[in-house]
Amino acid sequence: MSSISRIYYNKLVRDNIPDKIRGKGENCEVRPATDMQEFQQELMKKIKEEAASLAMTRSKDEFLGEYTDLMMVLDTIIEQLGITPEQVRVAREENLLKKGGYKHQHFLVWSEDVGYSSNESPQGIPV
């Protein structure tokens, strides 16, 4: 009877992960992404994973580690899409002009602007 146990991840991992697993004397199975579409789809999934981890940090060091994980995913997507650093800079400046930053720390409690669109789910039913 075998005592082998496996954990199935079925997700994109960083280049050094298989070697780290094997370095511990453990086995793993990896395969390349089947095509660019699968690779990009998996990168988009990684954004959620890494952003969720970032949101759970409770120290500056944890934040920095998770931030760099998220930025690695975003940088890879930017590279795949052929977006230049200049395009990123211009888009950030335009976004800042359009929406502003977080300097004033505004917390929106409610609004009568039913045309406002948010990425978050509303916390209640409009009245």
N, C-alpha and C. Protein backbone atom coordinates (compact mmCIF):
# COMPACT_ATOMS: atom_id res chain seq x y z
N MET A 1 0.83 -1.18 0.00
CA MET A 1 0.00 0.00 0.00
C MET A 1 0.89 1.25 0.00
N SER A 2 0.60 2.19 -0.88
CA SER A 2 1.40 3.39 -1.05
C SER A 2 0.92 4.50 -0.12
N SER A 3 1.87 5.27 0.39
CA SER A 3 1.51 6.40 1.24
C SER A 3 1.68 7.71 0.47
N ILE A 4 1.72 7.62 -0.84
CA ILE A 4 1.87 8.82 -1.67
C ILE A 4 0.58 9.63 -1.62
N SER A 5 0.73 10.91 -1.34
CA SER A 5 -0.43 11.80 -1.38
C SER A 5 -0.10 12.95 -2.33
N ARG A 6 -1.08 13.35 -3.04
CA ARG A 6 -0.90 14.42 -4.03
C ARG A 6 -1.88 15.54 -3.75
N ILE A 7 -1.42 16.74 -3.99
CA ILE A 7 -2.28 17.92 -3.94
C ILE A 7 -2.34 18.45 -5.37
N TYR A 8 -3.53 18.54 -5.92
CA TYR A 8 -3.70 19.03 -7.28
C TYR A 8 -3.93 20.53 -7.26
N TYR A 9 -3.06 21.27 -7.90
CA TYR A 9 -3.14 22.72 -7.95
C TYR A 9 -3.76 23.22 -9.25
N ASN A 10 -3.37 22.61 -10.35
CA ASN A 10 -3.87 23.02 -11.67
C ASN A 10 -3.84 24.54 -11.84
N LYS A 11 -2.67 25.10 -11.68
CA LYS A 11 -2.51 26.55 -11.83
C LYS A 11 -1.12 26.89 -12.33
N LEU A 12 -0.98 28.06 -12.85
CA LEU A 12 0.29 28.58 -13.32
C LEU A 12 1.18 28.87 -12.11
N VAL A 13 2.43 28.43 -12.18
CA VAL A 13 3.38 28.72 -11.11
C VAL A 13 4.64 29.35 -11.69
N ARG A 14 5.41 29.99 -10.83
CA ARG A 14 6.64 30.64 -11.24
C ARG A 14 7.68 29.60 -11.64
N ASP A 15 8.66 30.03 -12.43
CA ASP A 15 9.66 29.15 -13.03
C ASP A 15 10.41 28.27 -12.03
N ASN A 16 10.73 28.79 -10.86
CA ASN A 16 11.58 28.05 -9.92
C ASN A 16 10.81 27.10 -9.01
N ILE A 17 9.50 27.12 -9.05
CA ILE A 17 8.70 26.30 -8.13
C ILE A 17 8.95 24.79 -8.32
N PRO A 18 8.92 24.26 -9.54
CA PRO A 18 9.18 22.82 -9.68
C PRO A 18 10.54 22.40 -9.11
N ASP A 19 11.58 23.21 -9.32
CA ASP A 19 12.90 22.88 -8.79
C ASP A 19 12.91 22.93 -7.27
N LYS A 20 12.16 23.85 -6.68
CA LYS A 20 12.08 23.93 -5.21
C LYS A 20 11.41 22.68 -4.65
N ILE A 21 10.36 22.22 -5.31
CA ILE A 21 9.66 21.01 -4.87
C ILE A 21 10.59 19.81 -4.98
N ARG A 22 11.25 19.68 -6.12
CA ARG A 22 12.16 18.55 -6.33
C ARG A 22 13.37 18.62 -5.39
N GLY A 23 13.78 19.84 -5.06
CA GLY A 23 14.89 20.03 -4.14
C GLY A 23 14.58 19.52 -2.74
N LYS A 24 13.31 19.40 -2.42
CA LYS A 24 12.88 18.84 -1.14
C LYS A 24 12.72 17.34 -1.21
N GLY A 25 13.06 16.76 -2.38
CA GLY A 25 12.93 15.32 -2.55
C GLY A 25 11.51 14.88 -2.89
N GLU A 26 10.68 15.81 -3.27
CA GLU A 26 9.29 15.51 -3.63
C GLU A 26 9.14 15.53 -5.15
N ASN A 27 8.13 14.86 -5.63
CA ASN A 27 7.83 14.84 -7.06
C ASN A 27 6.72 15.82 -7.38
N CYS A 28 6.67 16.22 -8.62
CA CYS A 28 5.58 17.06 -9.11
C CYS A 28 5.46 16.86 -10.61
N GLU A 29 4.34 17.24 -11.13
CA GLU A 29 4.12 17.19 -12.57
C GLU A 29 3.82 18.60 -13.05
N VAL A 30 4.54 19.04 -14.05
CA VAL A 30 4.29 20.34 -14.68
C VAL A 30 4.17 20.13 -16.18
N ARG A 31 3.52 21.04 -16.82
CA ARG A 31 3.43 21.04 -18.28
C ARG A 31 3.44 22.48 -18.73
N PRO A 32 3.87 22.72 -19.96
CA PRO A 32 3.80 24.09 -20.46
C PRO A 32 2.35 24.46 -20.77
N ALA A 33 2.06 25.74 -20.73
CA ALA A 33 0.75 26.21 -21.17
C ALA A 33 0.56 25.76 -22.61
N THR A 34 -0.64 25.33 -22.95
CA THR A 34 -0.87 24.75 -24.28
C THR A 34 -0.72 25.78 -25.39
N ASP A 35 -1.04 27.04 -25.10
CA ASP A 35 -0.91 28.09 -26.10
C ASP A 35 -0.94 29.45 -25.40
N MET A 36 -0.79 30.51 -26.17
CA MET A 36 -0.76 31.86 -25.60
C MET A 36 -2.09 32.21 -24.93
N GLN A 37 -3.19 31.75 -25.48
CA GLN A 37 -4.49 32.04 -24.88
C GLN A 37 -4.59 31.44 -23.48
N GLU A 38 -4.17 30.18 -23.33
CA GLU A 38 -4.21 29.56 -22.00
C GLU A 38 -3.27 30.29 -21.05
N PHE A 39 -2.08 30.64 -21.53
CA PHE A 39 -1.11 31.34 -20.70
C PHE A 39 -1.68 32.66 -20.18
N GLN A 40 -2.27 33.45 -21.08
CA GLN A 40 -2.85 34.72 -20.67
C GLN A 40 -4.04 34.54 -19.73
N GLN A 41 -4.85 33.54 -19.99
CA GLN A 41 -5.99 33.24 -19.12
C GLN A 41 -5.50 32.89 -17.71
N GLU A 42 -4.46 32.08 -17.64
CA GLU A 42 -3.91 31.70 -16.34
C GLU A 42 -3.26 32.88 -15.63
N LEU A 43 -2.63 33.77 -16.39
CA LEU A 43 -2.08 34.99 -15.79
C LEU A 43 -3.19 35.84 -15.19
N MET A 44 -4.32 35.93 -15.89
CA MET A 44 -5.45 36.71 -15.36
C MET A 44 -5.96 36.10 -14.06
N LYS A 45 -5.98 34.78 -13.96
CA LYS A 45 -6.36 34.11 -12.71
C LYS A 45 -5.37 34.44 -11.60
N LYS A 46 -4.09 34.51 -11.97
CA LYS A 46 -3.05 34.81 -10.98
C LYS A 46 -3.24 36.20 -10.39
N ILE A 47 -3.78 37.13 -11.17
CA ILE A 47 -4.03 38.47 -10.64
C ILE A 47 -4.94 38.38 -9.43
N LYS A 48 -6.04 37.63 -9.55
CA LYS A 48 -6.96 37.47 -8.42
C LYS A 48 -6.27 36.82 -7.24
N GLU A 49 -5.53 35.76 -7.51
CA GLU A 49 -4.84 35.03 -6.44
C GLU A 49 -3.86 35.94 -5.70
N GLU A 50 -3.03 36.63 -6.45
CA GLU A 50 -2.01 37.48 -5.83
C GLU A 50 -2.62 38.71 -5.16
N ALA A 51 -3.67 39.28 -5.76
CA ALA A 51 -4.33 40.44 -5.14
C ALA A 51 -5.01 40.04 -3.84
N ALA A 52 -5.61 38.86 -3.80
CA ALA A 52 -6.24 38.38 -2.57
C ALA A 52 -5.19 38.19 -1.49
N SER A 53 -4.05 37.64 -1.84
CA SER A 53 -2.96 37.46 -0.88
C SER A 53 -2.45 38.81 -0.39
N LEU A 54 -2.33 39.76 -1.30
CA LEU A 54 -1.88 41.11 -0.94
C LEU A 54 -2.84 41.75 0.06
N ALA A 55 -4.13 41.57 -0.18
CA ALA A 55 -5.15 42.18 0.70
C ALA A 55 -5.13 41.58 2.10
N MET A 56 -4.57 40.40 2.26
CA MET A 56 -4.54 39.73 3.56
C MET A 56 -3.27 40.02 4.37
N THR A 57 -2.34 40.79 3.81
CA THR A 57 -1.09 41.06 4.52
C THR A 57 -1.34 41.92 5.75
N ARG A 58 -0.48 41.72 6.74
CA ARG A 58 -0.62 42.46 7.99
C ARG A 58 0.69 43.10 8.45
N SER A 59 1.70 43.06 7.58
CA SER A 59 2.96 43.72 7.92
C SER A 59 3.57 44.30 6.65
N LYS A 60 4.48 45.21 6.85
CA LYS A 60 5.16 45.85 5.73
C LYS A 60 5.93 44.82 4.90
N ASP A 61 6.61 43.88 5.57
CA ASP A 61 7.37 42.85 4.86
C ASP A 61 6.45 41.92 4.07
N GLU A 62 5.32 41.51 4.67
CA GLU A 62 4.36 40.67 3.95
C GLU A 62 3.82 41.42 2.74
N PHE A 63 3.49 42.70 2.94
CA PHE A 63 2.97 43.52 1.85
C PHE A 63 3.97 43.56 0.70
N LEU A 64 5.22 43.82 1.02
CA LEU A 64 6.24 43.93 -0.02
C LEU A 64 6.38 42.62 -0.80
N GLY A 65 6.37 41.50 -0.10
CA GLY A 65 6.46 40.21 -0.77
C GLY A 65 5.30 39.95 -1.69
N GLU A 66 4.08 40.19 -1.21
CA GLU A 66 2.90 39.95 -2.04
C GLU A 66 2.77 40.98 -3.16
N TYR A 67 3.18 42.21 -2.89
CA TYR A 67 3.18 43.24 -3.92
C TYR A 67 4.08 42.84 -5.09
N THR A 68 5.27 42.34 -4.77
CA THR A 68 6.19 41.95 -5.85
C THR A 68 5.65 40.74 -6.61
N ASP A 69 4.95 39.83 -5.92
CA ASP A 69 4.32 38.71 -6.63
C ASP A 69 3.29 39.22 -7.63
N LEU A 70 2.45 40.15 -7.19
CA LEU A 70 1.42 40.71 -8.07
C LEU A 70 2.06 41.48 -9.23
N MET A 71 3.07 42.26 -8.94
CA MET A 71 3.72 43.04 -10.00
C MET A 71 4.40 42.13 -11.02
N MET A 72 4.91 40.98 -10.60
CA MET A 72 5.51 40.03 -11.54
C MET A 72 4.47 39.54 -12.54
N VAL A 73 3.27 39.26 -12.06
CA VAL A 73 2.19 38.83 -12.95
C VAL A 73 1.82 39.96 -13.90
N LEU A 74 1.62 41.16 -13.36
CA LEU A 74 1.24 42.30 -14.20
C LEU A 74 2.33 42.62 -15.23
N ASP A 75 3.58 42.58 -14.80
CA ASP A 75 4.68 42.84 -15.74
C ASP A 75 4.72 41.81 -16.86
N THR A 76 4.42 40.56 -16.53
CA THR A 76 4.40 39.51 -17.55
C THR A 76 3.28 39.75 -18.56
N ILE A 77 2.11 40.15 -18.08
CA ILE A 77 0.99 40.46 -18.98
C ILE A 77 1.33 41.66 -19.85
N ILE A 78 1.90 42.67 -19.27
CA ILE A 78 2.29 43.86 -20.03
C ILE A 78 3.27 43.48 -21.14
N GLU A 79 4.22 42.64 -20.81
CA GLU A 79 5.19 42.18 -21.80
C GLU A 79 4.50 41.38 -22.91
N GLN A 80 3.59 40.48 -22.52
CA GLN A 80 2.87 39.66 -23.49
C GLN A 80 2.04 40.52 -24.44
N LEU A 81 1.47 41.60 -23.93
CA LEU A 81 0.63 42.47 -24.75
C LEU A 81 1.42 43.52 -25.52
N GLY A 82 2.72 43.57 -25.28
CA GLY A 82 3.56 44.52 -26.00
C GLY A 82 3.35 45.96 -25.57
N ILE A 83 2.98 46.17 -24.31
CA ILE A 83 2.76 47.51 -23.79
C ILE A 83 4.11 48.06 -23.32
N THR A 84 4.43 49.27 -23.74
CA THR A 84 5.72 49.88 -23.40
C THR A 84 5.64 50.61 -22.05
N PRO A 85 6.78 50.82 -21.42
CA PRO A 85 6.79 51.61 -20.18
C PRO A 85 6.20 53.01 -20.38
N GLU A 86 6.42 53.58 -21.54
CA GLU A 86 5.86 54.90 -21.84
C GLU A 86 4.33 54.85 -21.88
N GLN A 87 3.77 53.80 -22.48
CA GLN A 87 2.31 53.65 -22.51
C GLN A 87 1.74 53.50 -21.10
N VAL A 88 2.44 52.78 -20.24
CA VAL A 88 2.01 52.63 -18.85
C VAL A 88 2.05 53.98 -18.15
N ARG A 89 3.14 54.72 -18.34
CA ARG A 89 3.28 56.04 -17.71
C ARG A 89 2.15 56.97 -18.13
N VAL A 90 1.88 57.03 -19.42
CA VAL A 90 0.82 57.91 -19.94
C VAL A 90 -0.55 57.48 -19.41
N ALA A 91 -0.81 56.18 -19.41
CA ALA A 91 -2.10 55.68 -18.91
C ALA A 91 -2.28 56.02 -17.43
N ARG A 92 -1.21 55.90 -16.64
CA ARG A 92 -1.29 56.25 -15.20
C ARG A 92 -1.59 57.72 -15.02
N GLU A 93 -0.90 58.57 -15.80
CA GLU A 93 -1.14 60.01 -15.70
C GLU A 93 -2.57 60.36 -16.08
N GLU A 94 -3.07 59.77 -17.16
CA GLU A 94 -4.45 60.03 -17.60
C GLU A 94 -5.45 59.54 -16.55
N ASN A 95 -5.19 58.38 -15.98
CA ASN A 95 -6.06 57.82 -14.95
C ASN A 95 -6.09 58.73 -13.72
N LEU A 96 -4.93 59.24 -13.32
CA LEU A 96 -4.84 60.13 -12.17
C LEU A 96 -5.60 61.43 -12.43
N LEU A 97 -5.47 61.96 -13.63
CA LEU A 97 -6.20 63.19 -13.96
C LEU A 97 -7.71 62.96 -13.98
N LYS A 98 -8.13 61.82 -14.50
CA LYS A 98 -9.56 61.52 -14.62
C LYS A 98 -10.20 61.18 -13.28
N LYS A 99 -9.55 60.34 -12.49
CA LYS A 99 -10.15 59.83 -11.25
C LYS A 99 -9.55 60.40 -9.98
N GLY A 100 -8.36 60.96 -10.07
CA GLY A 100 -7.67 61.44 -8.87
C GLY A 100 -6.94 60.30 -8.19
N GLY A 101 -6.30 60.64 -7.07
CA GLY A 101 -5.56 59.65 -6.30
C GLY A 101 -6.32 59.33 -5.02
N TYR A 102 -5.59 59.06 -3.97
CA TYR A 102 -6.18 58.74 -2.67
C TYR A 102 -5.68 59.68 -1.58
N LYS A 103 -5.14 60.82 -1.97
CA LYS A 103 -4.56 61.78 -1.03
C LYS A 103 -5.57 62.22 0.03
N HIS A 104 -6.81 62.43 -0.36
CA HIS A 104 -7.82 62.93 0.58
C HIS A 104 -8.53 61.83 1.36
N GLN A 105 -8.25 60.59 1.06
CA GLN A 105 -8.77 59.44 1.78
C GLN A 105 -10.31 59.43 1.87
N HIS A 106 -10.96 59.79 0.76
CA HIS A 106 -12.43 59.79 0.73
C HIS A 106 -13.00 58.38 0.84
N PHE A 107 -14.00 58.21 1.68
CA PHE A 107 -14.71 56.95 1.84
C PHE A 107 -16.16 57.22 1.46
N LEU A 108 -16.62 56.70 0.31
CA LEU A 108 -17.96 56.96 -0.19
C LEU A 108 -18.98 56.11 0.56
N VAL A 109 -19.84 56.74 1.31
CA VAL A 109 -20.85 56.04 2.08
C VAL A 109 -22.08 55.78 1.22
N TRP A 110 -22.55 56.79 0.51
CA TRP A 110 -23.69 56.63 -0.39
C TRP A 110 -23.63 57.71 -1.45
N SER A 111 -24.45 57.54 -2.49
CA SER A 111 -24.53 58.51 -3.57
C SER A 111 -25.88 58.41 -4.26
N GLU A 112 -26.38 59.54 -4.74
CA GLU A 112 -27.59 59.54 -5.57
C GLU A 112 -27.24 59.42 -7.05
N ASP A 113 -25.97 59.33 -7.36
CA ASP A 113 -25.51 59.20 -8.74
C ASP A 113 -25.66 57.75 -9.18
N VAL A 114 -26.84 57.41 -9.69
CA VAL A 114 -27.11 56.04 -10.10
C VAL A 114 -26.32 55.66 -11.36
N GLY A 115 -25.72 56.63 -12.02
CA GLY A 115 -24.91 56.36 -13.19
C GLY A 115 -23.47 56.01 -12.86
N TYR A 116 -23.09 56.16 -11.58
CA TYR A 116 -21.72 55.84 -11.17
C TYR A 116 -21.51 54.34 -11.27
N SER A 117 -20.39 53.95 -11.84
CA SER A 117 -20.07 52.53 -12.01
C SER A 117 -18.87 52.17 -11.17
N SER A 118 -18.99 51.09 -10.41
CA SER A 118 -17.92 50.63 -9.55
C SER A 118 -17.59 49.18 -9.86
N ASN A 119 -16.37 48.77 -9.57
CA ASN A 119 -15.96 47.38 -9.74
C ASN A 119 -16.49 46.50 -8.62
N GLU A 120 -16.92 47.12 -7.53
CA GLU A 120 -17.38 46.36 -6.38
C GLU A 120 -18.89 46.15 -6.42
N SER A 121 -19.32 45.15 -5.69
CA SER A 121 -20.75 44.92 -5.55
C SER A 121 -21.31 45.96 -4.61
N PRO A 122 -22.44 46.53 -4.92
CA PRO A 122 -23.03 47.49 -3.97
C PRO A 122 -23.41 46.79 -2.69
N GLN A 123 -23.31 47.50 -1.60
CA GLN A 123 -23.63 46.93 -0.29
C GLN A 123 -25.05 47.29 0.10
N GLY A 124 -25.99 46.80 -0.64
CA GLY A 124 -27.37 47.08 -0.32
C GLY A 124 -28.20 47.27 -1.57
N ILE A 125 -29.44 47.59 -1.35
CA ILE A 125 -30.38 47.76 -2.45
C ILE A 125 -30.63 49.25 -2.63
N PRO A 126 -30.53 49.77 -3.87
CA PRO A 126 -30.78 51.18 -4.09
C PRO A 126 -32.19 51.58 -3.64
N VAL A 127 -32.28 52.74 -2.98
CA VAL A 127 -33.60 53.25 -2.54
C VAL A 127 -33.96 54.50 -3.29
